C-alpha atoms as a PDB file:
ATOM      1  CA  MET A   1     161.283  92.732  81.618  1.00  0.00           C
ATOM      2  CA  PRO A   2     158.626  94.397  79.197  1.00  0.00           C
ATOM      3  CA  LYS A   3     156.448  91.960  77.165  1.00  0.00           C
ATOM      4  CA  LYS A   4     155.032  91.502  74.003  1.00  0.00           C
ATOM      5  CA  ILE A   5     150.952  90.570  74.077  1.00  0.00           C
ATOM      6  CA  ALA A   6     149.509  90.187  70.789  1.00  0.00           C
ATOM      7  CA  PHE A   7     145.543  89.731  69.676  1.00  0.00           C
ATOM      8  CA  VAL A   8     143.219  89.679  66.942  1.00  0.00           C
ATOM      9  CA  MET A   9     140.031  91.587  66.177  1.00  0.00           C
ATOM     10  CA  LYS A  10     137.756  91.552  62.847  1.00  0.00           C
ATOM     11  CA  LEU A  11     137.259  94.309  60.606  1.00  0.00           C
ATOM     12  CA  LYS A  12     133.599  94.346  58.903  1.00  0.00           C
ATOM     13  CA  PRO A  13     133.926  94.533  55.009  1.00  0.00           C
ATOM     14  CA  GLY A  14     133.962  98.021  52.983  1.00  0.00           C
ATOM     15  CA  PHE A  15     136.088  99.576  55.821  1.00  0.00           C
ATOM     16  CA  GLU A  16     139.528  98.989  55.185  1.00  0.00           C
ATOM     17  CA  ASP A  17     140.414 102.694  54.629  1.00  0.00           C
ATOM     18  CA  GLU A  18     138.240 103.734  56.874  1.00  0.00           C
ATOM     19  CA  TYR A  19     139.843 102.106  59.625  1.00  0.00           C
ATOM     20  CA  LYS A  20     143.140 102.903  58.363  1.00  0.00           C
ATOM     21  CA  ARG A  21     141.803 106.653  58.301  1.00  0.00           C
ATOM     22  CA  ARG A  22     140.784 106.579  61.557  1.00  0.00           C
ATOM     23  CA  HIS A  23     143.436 105.010  62.842  1.00  0.00           C
ATOM     24  CA  ASP A  24     146.157 107.718  61.048  1.00  0.00           C
ATOM     25  CA  ALA A  25     144.070 110.910  63.110  1.00  0.00           C
ATOM     26  CA  LEU A  26     144.291 108.745  66.019  1.00  0.00           C
ATOM     27  CA  TRP A  27     143.682 111.336  68.999  1.00  0.00           C
ATOM     28  CA  PRO A  28     145.907 112.615  71.303  1.00  0.00           C
ATOM     29  CA  GLU A  29     144.473 112.360  74.147  1.00  0.00           C
ATOM     30  CA  MET A  30     143.854 108.188  73.246  1.00  0.00           C
ATOM     31  CA  ALA A  31     147.861 107.744  72.679  1.00  0.00           C
ATOM     32  CA  ARG A  32     148.514 109.592  75.556  1.00  0.00           C
ATOM     33  CA  GLU A  33     146.548 106.937  77.929  1.00  0.00           C
ATOM     34  CA  LEU A  34     148.016 104.233  75.956  1.00  0.00           C
ATOM     35  CA  LYS A  35     151.371 105.654  76.837  1.00  0.00           C
ATOM     36  CA  ALA A  36     150.580 105.993  80.283  1.00  0.00           C
ATOM     37  CA  ALA A  37     149.395 102.370  80.692  1.00  0.00           C
ATOM     38  CA  GLY A  38     152.800 101.372  79.586  1.00  0.00           C
ATOM     39  CA  ILE A  39     152.119 100.078  76.108  1.00  0.00           C
ATOM     40  CA  SER A  40     154.942 101.309  73.612  1.00  0.00           C
ATOM     41  CA  ASP A  41     155.305  99.848  70.180  1.00  0.00           C
ATOM     42  CA  TYR A  42     151.631  99.250  68.873  1.00  0.00           C
ATOM     43  CA  SER A  43     151.018  98.386  65.522  1.00  0.00           C
ATOM     44  CA  ILE A  44     148.041  96.780  64.175  1.00  0.00           C
ATOM     45  CA  PHE A  45     147.698  94.989  60.621  1.00  0.00           C
ATOM     46  CA  LEU A  46     145.182  93.881  58.171  1.00  0.00           C
ATOM     47  CA  ASP A  47     144.420  90.358  55.982  1.00  0.00           C
ATOM     48  CA  PRO A  48     142.525  91.741  53.266  1.00  0.00           C
ATOM     49  CA  GLU A  49     141.408  88.100  52.334  1.00  0.00           C
ATOM     50  CA  THR A  50     139.837  87.577  56.321  1.00  0.00           C
ATOM     51  CA  LEU A  51     139.439  90.743  57.486  1.00  0.00           C
ATOM     52  CA  LEU A  52     141.363  89.620  60.668  1.00  0.00           C
ATOM     53  CA  LEU A  53     143.479  92.834  62.470  1.00  0.00           C
ATOM     54  CA  PHE A  54     146.379  91.544  64.191  1.00  0.00           C
ATOM     55  CA  ALA A  55     147.319  93.945  67.011  1.00  0.00           C
ATOM     56  CA  VAL A  56     150.790  93.263  68.974  1.00  0.00           C
ATOM     57  CA  GLN A  57     151.944  95.701  71.839  1.00  0.00           C
ATOM     58  CA  THR A  58     154.727  95.863  74.342  1.00  0.00           C
ATOM     59  CA  ARG A  59     153.780  96.408  78.002  1.00  0.00           C
ATOM     60  CA  SER A  60     156.055  98.087  80.685  1.00  0.00           C
ATOM     61  CA  ASP A  61     156.617  95.644  83.096  1.00  0.00           C
ATOM     62  CA  THR A  62     154.141  98.359  85.548  1.00  0.00           C
ATOM     63  CA  SER A  63     152.130  98.320  82.696  1.00  0.00           C
ATOM     64  CA  SER A  64     148.059  99.526  83.970  1.00  0.00           C
ATOM     65  CA  ALA A  65     146.658  98.599  80.698  1.00  0.00           C
ATOM     66  CA  ASP A  66     144.631  96.528  82.605  1.00  0.00           C
ATOM     67  CA  ASP A  67     142.514  99.495  83.595  1.00  0.00           C
ATOM     68  CA  LEU A  68     141.963 101.012  80.420  1.00  0.00           C
ATOM     69  CA  PRO A  69     138.765 100.039  79.421  1.00  0.00           C
ATOM     70  CA  ARG A  70     137.431 101.705  82.827  1.00  0.00           C
ATOM     71  CA  LYS A  71     139.192 105.033  80.878  1.00  0.00           C
ATOM     72  CA  ALA A  72     136.883 107.653  79.413  1.00  0.00           C
ATOM     73  CA  VAL A  73     138.692 108.064  76.451  1.00  0.00           C
ATOM     74  CA  VAL A  74     138.845 104.632  75.579  1.00  0.00           C
ATOM     75  CA  GLN A  75     134.772 104.035  75.678  1.00  0.00           C
ATOM     76  CA  ARG A  76     134.867 107.032  73.430  1.00  0.00           C
ATOM     77  CA  TRP A  77     136.943 105.232  71.319  1.00  0.00           C
ATOM     78  CA  TRP A  78     135.295 102.319  71.365  1.00  0.00           C
ATOM     79  CA  ALA A  79     131.890 103.688  70.526  1.00  0.00           C
ATOM     80  CA  TYR A  80     133.732 105.752  67.556  1.00  0.00           C
ATOM     81  CA  MET A  81     135.403 102.307  66.170  1.00  0.00           C
ATOM     82  CA  LYS A  82     131.718  99.715  67.145  1.00  0.00           C
ATOM     83  CA  ASP A  83     130.183 100.740  63.169  1.00  0.00           C
ATOM     84  CA  ILE A  84     133.181  98.995  61.327  1.00  0.00           C
ATOM     85  CA  MET A  85     134.594  96.608  64.037  1.00  0.00           C
ATOM     86  CA  ASP A  86     132.939  93.736  65.384  1.00  0.00           C
ATOM     87  CA  THR A  87     132.122  94.256  69.060  1.00  0.00           C
ATOM     88  CA  ASN A  88     130.813  93.557  72.059  1.00  0.00           C
ATOM     89  CA  PRO A  89     127.684  94.910  73.789  1.00  0.00           C
ATOM     90  CA  ASP A  90     129.442  97.724  75.574  1.00  0.00           C
ATOM     91  CA  ASN A  91     131.385  98.706  72.715  1.00  0.00           C
ATOM     92  CA  SER A  92     134.730  97.268  72.871  1.00  0.00           C
ATOM     93  CA  PRO A  93     136.143  95.398  69.956  1.00  0.00           C
ATOM     94  CA  VAL A  94     136.088  91.395  70.353  1.00  0.00           C
ATOM     95  CA  SER A  95     139.120  89.914  70.571  1.00  0.00           C
ATOM     96  CA  ARG A  96     140.866  86.626  71.400  1.00  0.00           C
ATOM     97  CA  ASP A  97     144.750  86.940  72.587  1.00  0.00           C
ATOM     98  CA  LEU A  98     146.972  84.834  70.696  1.00  0.00           C
ATOM     99  CA  ILE A  99     149.852  82.659  72.106  1.00  0.00           C
ATOM    100  CA  GLU A 100     153.769  83.523  70.688  1.00  0.00           C
ATOM    101  CA  VAL A 101     154.550  80.315  70.278  1.00  0.00           C
ATOM    102  CA  PHE A 102     157.714  81.655  68.176  1.00  0.00           C
ATOM    103  CA  HIS A 103     160.415  84.604  69.192  1.00  0.00           C
ATOM    104  CA  LEU A 104     163.975  85.574  67.324  1.00  0.00           C
ATOM    105  CA  ASP A 105     165.722  88.521  68.601  1.00  0.00           C
END
Protein backbone atom coordinates (compact mmCIF):
# COMPACT_ATOMS: atom_id res chain seq x y z
CA MET A 1 0.00 0.00 0.00
CA PRO A 2 1.43 3.42 -0.92
CA LYS A 3 2.66 5.53 1.97
CA LYS A 4 2.58 9.33 2.40
CA ILE A 5 5.76 10.91 3.72
CA ALA A 6 5.98 14.50 4.98
CA PHE A 7 8.97 16.56 6.02
CA VAL A 8 10.07 20.17 6.49
CA MET A 9 13.08 22.05 5.16
CA LYS A 10 14.16 25.68 5.50
CA LEU A 11 14.60 28.31 2.80
CA LYS A 12 17.09 31.14 3.22
CA PRO A 13 15.56 34.66 3.35
CA GLY A 14 15.01 36.38 0.03
CA PHE A 15 15.03 33.23 -2.10
CA GLU A 16 11.31 32.50 -2.30
CA ASP A 17 10.99 33.37 -5.99
CA GLU A 18 14.25 31.66 -6.90
CA TYR A 19 13.21 28.44 -5.15
CA LYS A 20 9.96 28.37 -7.12
CA ARG A 21 11.75 29.24 -10.38
CA ARG A 22 14.20 26.37 -9.96
CA HIS A 23 11.45 23.88 -9.20
CA ASP A 24 9.30 25.12 -12.08
CA ALA A 25 12.28 24.15 -14.26
CA LEU A 26 12.99 20.85 -12.50
CA TRP A 27 15.52 18.89 -14.51
CA PRO A 28 13.83 16.07 -16.44
CA GLU A 29 16.49 13.62 -15.23
CA MET A 30 15.71 14.56 -11.62
CA ALA A 31 11.98 13.99 -12.17
CA ARG A 32 12.75 10.63 -13.80
CA GLU A 33 14.94 9.58 -10.86
CA LEU A 34 12.24 10.47 -8.32
CA LYS A 35 9.60 8.57 -10.27
CA ALA A 36 11.92 5.59 -10.75
CA ALA A 37 12.37 5.52 -6.97
CA GLY A 38 8.61 5.09 -6.56
CA ILE A 39 7.81 8.69 -5.58
CA SER A 40 4.60 10.24 -6.89
CA ASP A 41 2.18 12.99 -5.94
CA TYR A 42 5.06 15.12 -4.62
CA SER A 43 4.25 18.67 -3.47
CA ILE A 44 6.24 21.31 -1.61
CA PHE A 45 4.53 24.22 0.15
CA LEU A 46 6.13 27.39 1.51
CA ASP A 47 5.17 29.18 4.71
CA PRO A 48 6.28 32.74 3.78
CA GLU A 49 6.37 33.88 7.42
CA THR A 50 8.80 31.20 8.65
CA LEU A 51 10.36 30.20 5.30
CA LEU A 52 9.64 26.58 6.18
CA LEU A 53 9.12 24.31 3.21
CA PHE A 54 6.56 21.57 3.87
CA ALA A 55 6.95 18.59 1.54
CA VAL A 56 4.61 15.65 1.10
CA GLN A 57 5.05 12.74 -1.25
CA THR A 58 3.53 9.36 -1.88
CA ARG A 59 5.90 6.41 -2.02
CA SER A 60 5.07 3.06 -3.58
CA ASP A 61 5.33 -0.22 -1.69
CA THR A 62 8.55 -0.91 -3.56
CA SER A 63 10.00 2.60 -3.19
CA SER A 64 13.76 2.91 -3.35
CA ALA A 65 13.73 6.51 -2.11
CA ASP A 66 16.30 5.67 0.57
CA ASP A 67 18.82 5.10 -2.26
CA LEU A 68 18.31 8.56 -3.79
CA PRO A 69 21.15 10.28 -1.85
CA ARG A 70 23.64 8.05 -3.70
CA LYS A 71 22.35 9.06 -7.15
CA ALA A 72 24.53 11.48 -9.12
CA VAL A 73 21.62 13.64 -10.32
CA VAL A 74 20.35 14.04 -6.75
CA GLN A 75 23.80 15.10 -5.57
CA ARG A 76 24.00 17.63 -8.43
CA TRP A 77 20.52 18.97 -7.50
CA TRP A 78 21.57 19.38 -3.89
CA ALA A 79 24.70 21.30 -4.96
CA TYR A 80 22.50 23.49 -7.18
CA MET A 81 20.12 24.26 -4.28
CA LYS A 82 22.63 24.69 -1.44
CA ASP A 83 22.93 28.47 -1.86
CA ILE A 84 19.23 29.06 -1.15
CA MET A 85 18.43 26.46 1.54
CA ASP A 86 19.75 25.29 4.88
CA THR A 87 21.95 22.31 4.02
CA ASN A 88 24.11 19.64 5.62
CA PRO A 89 27.85 19.30 4.89
CA ASP A 90 27.04 16.89 2.00
CA ASN A 91 24.74 19.60 0.49
CA SER A 92 21.57 17.63 1.31
CA PRO A 93 18.79 19.82 2.67
CA VAL A 94 18.44 19.96 6.41
CA SER A 95 15.09 18.25 6.92
CA ARG A 96 12.91 16.86 9.66
CA ASP A 97 10.37 14.10 9.15
CA LEU A 98 6.86 14.90 10.27
CA ILE A 99 4.48 12.54 12.03
CA GLU A 100 1.00 12.07 10.63
CA VAL A 101 -1.56 12.77 13.36
CA PHE A 102 -4.69 12.91 11.22
CA HIS A 103 -5.85 11.71 7.83
CA LEU A 104 -9.21 11.92 6.03
CA ASP A 105 -9.91 10.28 2.68
